[in-house]
Amino acid sequence: MKVWTYPPPDETFRDAVRQEFGALARECGVKLVEVETMIFGFCTPYAVLTIGAYPGHFRGICVKFRRRERDEAVCVNDGVDIGLANIEELVTGRCSAVHTARRRWASDEIWNEVAGLASVTRQVAMSFLITPNGDWTGLRAHVDEKIRNAPKPWRGLYEEMG
């Protein structure tokens, strides 16, 4: 009897990102690169996209975007990057379950999440990636409004930052 085993979860994450977001990068006419361990991304003429697995009590996968500055390389810039969920909310008025469905750092769930995030990116964020028409100003205003309306502990942190 053959027992099916999945590769280790971290390896699955890297493989899924290379397949799903590698295809997305090719659709944009660019190449996916590994920025650092467990963080990948690509630049188009208009945007920087990163996808990473971030440690914590519950390891999170996050796809982030920002408007690309001239000659900017792929990297994470937490002070400026905006999560895919925010773009989805701006474009569709809702946030799909793909952002919260995974319950374990397990290979099958990881692959499904990465594939789902690539699909959402195709559905709602391509104008940010492949055209100069992405509504970066509206997106920033949307995020700022969410922060202003956040419960007090978060709003207090935002106010301290200026």
C-alpha atoms as a PDB file:
ATOM      1  CA  MET A   1       0.000   0.000   0.000  1.00  0.00           C
ATOM      2  CA  LYS A   2       1.388   3.382  -1.016  1.00  0.00           C
ATOM      3  CA  VAL A   3       1.166   6.166   1.542  1.00  0.00           C
ATOM      4  CA  TRP A   4       0.819   9.650   0.055  1.00  0.00           C
ATOM      5  CA  THR A   5       2.993  12.256   1.713  1.00  0.00           C
ATOM      6  CA  TYR A   6       3.145  15.951   1.002  1.00  0.00           C
ATOM      7  CA  PRO A   7       6.439  17.842   0.925  1.00  0.00           C
ATOM      8  CA  PRO A   8       7.227  19.943   3.999  1.00  0.00           C
ATOM      9  CA  PRO A   9       4.932  22.995   4.275  1.00  0.00           C
ATOM     10  CA  ASP A  10       7.678  25.591   3.691  1.00  0.00           C
ATOM     11  CA  GLU A  11       8.720  23.769   0.521  1.00  0.00           C
ATOM     12  CA  THR A  12       5.095  23.606  -0.586  1.00  0.00           C
ATOM     13  CA  PHE A  13       4.772  27.364  -0.069  1.00  0.00           C
ATOM     14  CA  ARG A  14       7.820  28.049  -2.241  1.00  0.00           C
ATOM     15  CA  ASP A  15       6.663  25.622  -4.956  1.00  0.00           C
ATOM     16  CA  ALA A  16       3.119  27.016  -4.984  1.00  0.00           C
ATOM     17  CA  VAL A  17       4.361  30.602  -5.214  1.00  0.00           C
ATOM     18  CA  ARG A  18       6.763  29.733  -8.022  1.00  0.00           C
ATOM     19  CA  GLN A  19       3.968  28.062  -9.978  1.00  0.00           C
ATOM     20  CA  GLU A  20       1.005  30.355  -9.274  1.00  0.00           C
ATOM     21  CA  PHE A  21       2.718  33.742  -8.980  1.00  0.00           C
ATOM     22  CA  GLY A  22       5.398  32.792 -11.499  1.00  0.00           C
ATOM     23  CA  ALA A  23       2.602  32.365 -14.058  1.00  0.00           C
ATOM     24  CA  LEU A  24       1.098  35.690 -12.988  1.00  0.00           C
ATOM     25  CA  ALA A  25       4.468  37.421 -13.388  1.00  0.00           C
ATOM     26  CA  ARG A  26       4.827  35.949 -16.887  1.00  0.00           C
ATOM     27  CA  GLU A  27       1.347  37.259 -17.756  1.00  0.00           C
ATOM     28  CA  CYS A  28       2.658  40.694 -16.755  1.00  0.00           C
ATOM     29  CA  GLY A  29       5.770  40.203 -18.911  1.00  0.00           C
ATOM     30  CA  VAL A  30       8.200  39.973 -15.993  1.00  0.00           C
ATOM     31  CA  LYS A  31       9.950  37.341 -13.876  1.00  0.00           C
ATOM     32  CA  LEU A  32       9.206  36.250 -10.314  1.00  0.00           C
ATOM     33  CA  VAL A  33      12.246  36.466  -8.032  1.00  0.00           C
ATOM     34  CA  GLU A  34      12.978  35.242  -4.517  1.00  0.00           C
ATOM     35  CA  VAL A  35      13.731  38.370  -2.496  1.00  0.00           C
ATOM     36  CA  GLU A  36      14.661  36.556   0.697  1.00  0.00           C
ATOM     37  CA  THR A  37      13.735  33.311   2.394  1.00  0.00           C
ATOM     38  CA  MET A  38       9.963  32.782   2.028  1.00  0.00           C
ATOM     39  CA  ILE A  39       9.437  36.130   0.236  1.00  0.00           C
ATOM     40  CA  PHE A  40       9.005  36.425  -3.529  1.00  0.00           C
ATOM     41  CA  GLY A  41       7.947  39.210  -5.821  1.00  0.00           C
ATOM     42  CA  PHE A  42       8.125  41.013  -9.110  1.00  0.00           C
ATOM     43  CA  CYS A  43       8.068  44.518 -10.518  1.00  0.00           C
ATOM     44  CA  THR A  44       6.091  45.753 -13.469  1.00  0.00           C
ATOM     45  CA  PRO A  45       6.569  49.255 -14.845  1.00  0.00           C
ATOM     46  CA  TYR A  46       3.690  50.349 -12.566  1.00  0.00           C
ATOM     47  CA  ALA A  47       3.811  48.285  -9.378  1.00  0.00           C
ATOM     48  CA  VAL A  48       5.806  46.113  -7.019  1.00  0.00           C
ATOM     49  CA  LEU A  49       4.124  42.908  -5.836  1.00  0.00           C
ATOM     50  CA  THR A  50       5.471  40.750  -3.020  1.00  0.00           C
ATOM     51  CA  ILE A  51       4.129  37.532  -1.553  1.00  0.00           C
ATOM     52  CA  GLY A  52       5.570  36.166   1.628  1.00  0.00           C
ATOM     53  CA  ALA A  53       5.007  33.785   4.493  1.00  0.00           C
ATOM     54  CA  TYR A  54       5.443  35.718   7.703  1.00  0.00           C
ATOM     55  CA  PRO A  55       6.161  34.048  11.050  1.00  0.00           C
ATOM     56  CA  GLY A  56       4.032  34.469  14.104  1.00  0.00           C
ATOM     57  CA  HIS A  57       1.678  32.558  16.337  1.00  0.00           C
ATOM     58  CA  PHE A  58      -0.199  31.686  13.131  1.00  0.00           C
ATOM     59  CA  ARG A  59       2.031  31.931  10.063  1.00  0.00           C
ATOM     60  CA  GLY A  60       0.424  34.278   7.575  1.00  0.00           C
ATOM     61  CA  ILE A  61       0.678  34.542   3.813  1.00  0.00           C
ATOM     62  CA  CYS A  62       0.407  38.071   2.527  1.00  0.00           C
ATOM     63  CA  VAL A  63       0.326  39.517  -0.982  1.00  0.00           C
ATOM     64  CA  LYS A  64       1.260  43.197  -0.983  1.00  0.00           C
ATOM     65  CA  PHE A  65       1.407  45.918  -3.603  1.00  0.00           C
ATOM     66  CA  ARG A  66       2.753  49.416  -3.980  1.00  0.00           C
ATOM     67  CA  ARG A  67       3.172  51.889  -6.790  1.00  0.00           C
ATOM     68  CA  ARG A  68       6.590  51.423  -8.297  1.00  0.00           C
ATOM     69  CA  GLU A  69       9.033  54.282  -8.094  1.00  0.00           C
ATOM     70  CA  ARG A  70      11.415  54.757 -10.997  1.00  0.00           C
ATOM     71  CA  ASP A  71      14.074  52.010 -11.188  1.00  0.00           C
ATOM     72  CA  GLU A  72      12.832  50.452  -7.938  1.00  0.00           C
ATOM     73  CA  ALA A  73      13.815  46.828  -7.340  1.00  0.00           C
ATOM     74  CA  VAL A  74      11.657  44.121  -5.790  1.00  0.00           C
ATOM     75  CA  CYS A  75      11.642  44.370  -2.002  1.00  0.00           C
ATOM     76  CA  VAL A  76       9.230  44.611   0.905  1.00  0.00           C
ATOM     77  CA  ASN A  77       8.431  48.121   2.136  1.00  0.00           C
ATOM     78  CA  ASP A  78       6.034  47.675   5.034  1.00  0.00           C
ATOM     79  CA  GLY A  79       5.502  51.417   5.486  1.00  0.00           C
ATOM     80  CA  VAL A  80       4.091  51.754   1.974  1.00  0.00           C
ATOM     81  CA  ASP A  81       2.901  48.278   0.891  1.00  0.00           C
ATOM     82  CA  ILE A  82      -0.858  47.646   0.764  1.00  0.00           C
ATOM     83  CA  GLY A  83      -2.345  44.186   1.150  1.00  0.00           C
ATOM     84  CA  LEU A  84      -4.337  42.437  -1.561  1.00  0.00           C
ATOM     85  CA  ALA A  85      -7.369  42.239   0.751  1.00  0.00           C
ATOM     86  CA  ASN A  86      -7.556  46.045   0.715  1.00  0.00           C
ATOM     87  CA  ILE A  87      -7.499  46.147  -3.078  1.00  0.00           C
ATOM     88  CA  GLU A  88     -10.206  43.508  -3.192  1.00  0.00           C
ATOM     89  CA  GLU A  89     -12.377  45.506  -0.766  1.00  0.00           C
ATOM     90  CA  LEU A  90     -11.883  48.691  -2.797  1.00  0.00           C
ATOM     91  CA  VAL A  91     -12.721  47.016  -6.123  1.00  0.00           C
ATOM     92  CA  THR A  92     -15.513  44.625  -5.068  1.00  0.00           C
ATOM     93  CA  GLY A  93     -16.747  45.970  -1.738  1.00  0.00           C
ATOM     94  CA  ARG A  94     -15.935  42.699   0.006  1.00  0.00           C
ATOM     95  CA  CYS A  95     -13.070  40.481   1.059  1.00  0.00           C
ATOM     96  CA  SER A  96     -13.119  36.839  -0.064  1.00  0.00           C
ATOM     97  CA  ALA A  97     -12.595  33.883   2.248  1.00  0.00           C
ATOM     98  CA  VAL A  98      -9.226  32.996   0.681  1.00  0.00           C
ATOM     99  CA  HIS A  99      -7.607  35.483   3.077  1.00  0.00           C
ATOM    100  CA  THR A 100      -8.819  33.621   6.173  1.00  0.00           C
ATOM    101  CA  ALA A 101      -9.718  30.047   5.144  1.00  0.00           C
ATOM    102  CA  ARG A 102      -6.456  28.287   6.043  1.00  0.00           C
ATOM    103  CA  ARG A 103      -6.340  26.916   9.584  1.00  0.00           C
ATOM    104  CA  ARG A 104      -3.020  25.042   9.589  1.00  0.00           C
ATOM    105  CA  TRP A 105       0.456  25.435   8.141  1.00  0.00           C
ATOM    106  CA  ALA A 106      -0.155  22.273   6.115  1.00  0.00           C
ATOM    107  CA  SER A 107       0.860  21.624   2.517  1.00  0.00           C
ATOM    108  CA  ASP A 108      -2.612  21.093   1.032  1.00  0.00           C
ATOM    109  CA  GLU A 109      -4.054  24.210   2.674  1.00  0.00           C
ATOM    110  CA  ILE A 110      -1.020  26.310   1.757  1.00  0.00           C
ATOM    111  CA  TRP A 111      -1.245  25.393  -1.928  1.00  0.00           C
ATOM    112  CA  ASN A 112      -4.968  26.208  -1.993  1.00  0.00           C
ATOM    113  CA  GLU A 113      -4.377  29.578  -0.352  1.00  0.00           C
ATOM    114  CA  VAL A 114      -1.565  30.584  -2.707  1.00  0.00           C
ATOM    115  CA  ALA A 115      -3.623  29.547  -5.751  1.00  0.00           C
ATOM    116  CA  GLY A 116      -6.601  31.481  -4.387  1.00  0.00           C
ATOM    117  CA  LEU A 117      -4.513  34.593  -3.782  1.00  0.00           C
ATOM    118  CA  ALA A 118      -3.148  34.439  -7.344  1.00  0.00           C
ATOM    119  CA  SER A 119      -6.714  34.138  -8.631  1.00  0.00           C
ATOM    120  CA  VAL A 120      -7.905  37.133  -6.587  1.00  0.00           C
ATOM    121  CA  THR A 121      -4.913  39.116  -7.843  1.00  0.00           C
ATOM    122  CA  ARG A 122      -5.932  38.374 -11.447  1.00  0.00           C
ATOM    123  CA  GLN A 123      -9.544  39.324 -10.734  1.00  0.00           C
ATOM    124  CA  VAL A 124      -9.049  42.622  -8.897  1.00  0.00           C
ATOM    125  CA  ALA A 125      -5.483  43.921  -9.123  1.00  0.00           C
ATOM    126  CA  MET A 126      -4.337  43.649 -12.721  1.00  0.00           C
ATOM    127  CA  SER A 127      -5.034  47.335 -13.404  1.00  0.00           C
ATOM    128  CA  PHE A 128      -2.486  48.156 -10.693  1.00  0.00           C
ATOM    129  CA  LEU A 129       0.062  45.763 -12.190  1.00  0.00           C
ATOM    130  CA  ILE A 130      -0.180  46.251 -15.947  1.00  0.00           C
ATOM    131  CA  THR A 131      -1.624  49.711 -16.564  1.00  0.00           C
ATOM    132  CA  PRO A 132      -0.847  53.239 -15.415  1.00  0.00           C
ATOM    133  CA  ASN A 133      -4.534  53.503 -14.407  1.00  0.00           C
ATOM    134  CA  GLY A 134      -4.424  51.804 -11.000  1.00  0.00           C
ATOM    135  CA  ASP A 135      -6.279  53.966  -8.472  1.00  0.00           C
ATOM    136  CA  TRP A 136      -3.410  54.278  -5.987  1.00  0.00           C
ATOM    137  CA  THR A 137      -4.840  57.488  -4.501  1.00  0.00           C
ATOM    138  CA  GLY A 138      -8.249  55.883  -3.932  1.00  0.00           C
ATOM    139  CA  LEU A 139      -6.594  52.784  -2.512  1.00  0.00           C
ATOM    140  CA  ARG A 140      -4.510  54.809  -0.045  1.00  0.00           C
ATOM    141  CA  ALA A 141      -7.626  56.781   0.999  1.00  0.00           C
ATOM    142  CA  HIS A 142      -9.513  53.483   1.499  1.00  0.00           C
ATOM    143  CA  VAL A 143      -6.754  52.121   3.756  1.00  0.00           C
ATOM    144  CA  ASP A 144      -6.446  55.399   5.690  1.00  0.00           C
ATOM    145  CA  GLU A 145     -10.214  55.419   6.302  1.00  0.00           C
ATOM    146  CA  LYS A 146     -10.076  51.845   7.626  1.00  0.00           C
ATOM    147  CA  ILE A 147      -7.281  52.851   9.992  1.00  0.00           C
ATOM    148  CA  ARG A 148      -9.198  55.931  11.205  1.00  0.00           C
ATOM    149  CA  ASN A 149     -12.222  53.734  11.949  1.00  0.00           C
ATOM    150  CA  ALA A 150     -10.229  50.976  13.652  1.00  0.00           C
ATOM    151  CA  PRO A 151     -10.743  50.274  17.358  1.00  0.00           C
ATOM    152  CA  LYS A 152      -8.842  52.612  19.677  1.00  0.00           C
ATOM    153  CA  PRO A 153      -5.633  50.594  20.243  1.00  0.00           C
ATOM    154  CA  TRP A 154      -4.947  50.527  16.494  1.00  0.00           C
ATOM    155  CA  ARG A 155      -6.064  54.105  15.923  1.00  0.00           C
ATOM    156  CA  GLY A 156      -3.775  55.237  18.760  1.00  0.00           C
ATOM    157  CA  LEU A 157      -0.774  53.579  17.099  1.00  0.00           C
ATOM    158  CA  TYR A 158      -1.667  55.231  13.793  1.00  0.00           C
ATOM    159  CA  GLU A 159      -1.966  58.660  15.435  1.00  0.00           C
ATOM    160  CA  GLU A 160       1.449  58.250  17.106  1.00  0.00           C
ATOM    161  CA  MET A 161       3.003  57.561  13.703  1.00  0.00           C
ATOM    162  CA  GLY A 162       1.692  60.901  12.413  1.00  0.00           C
END
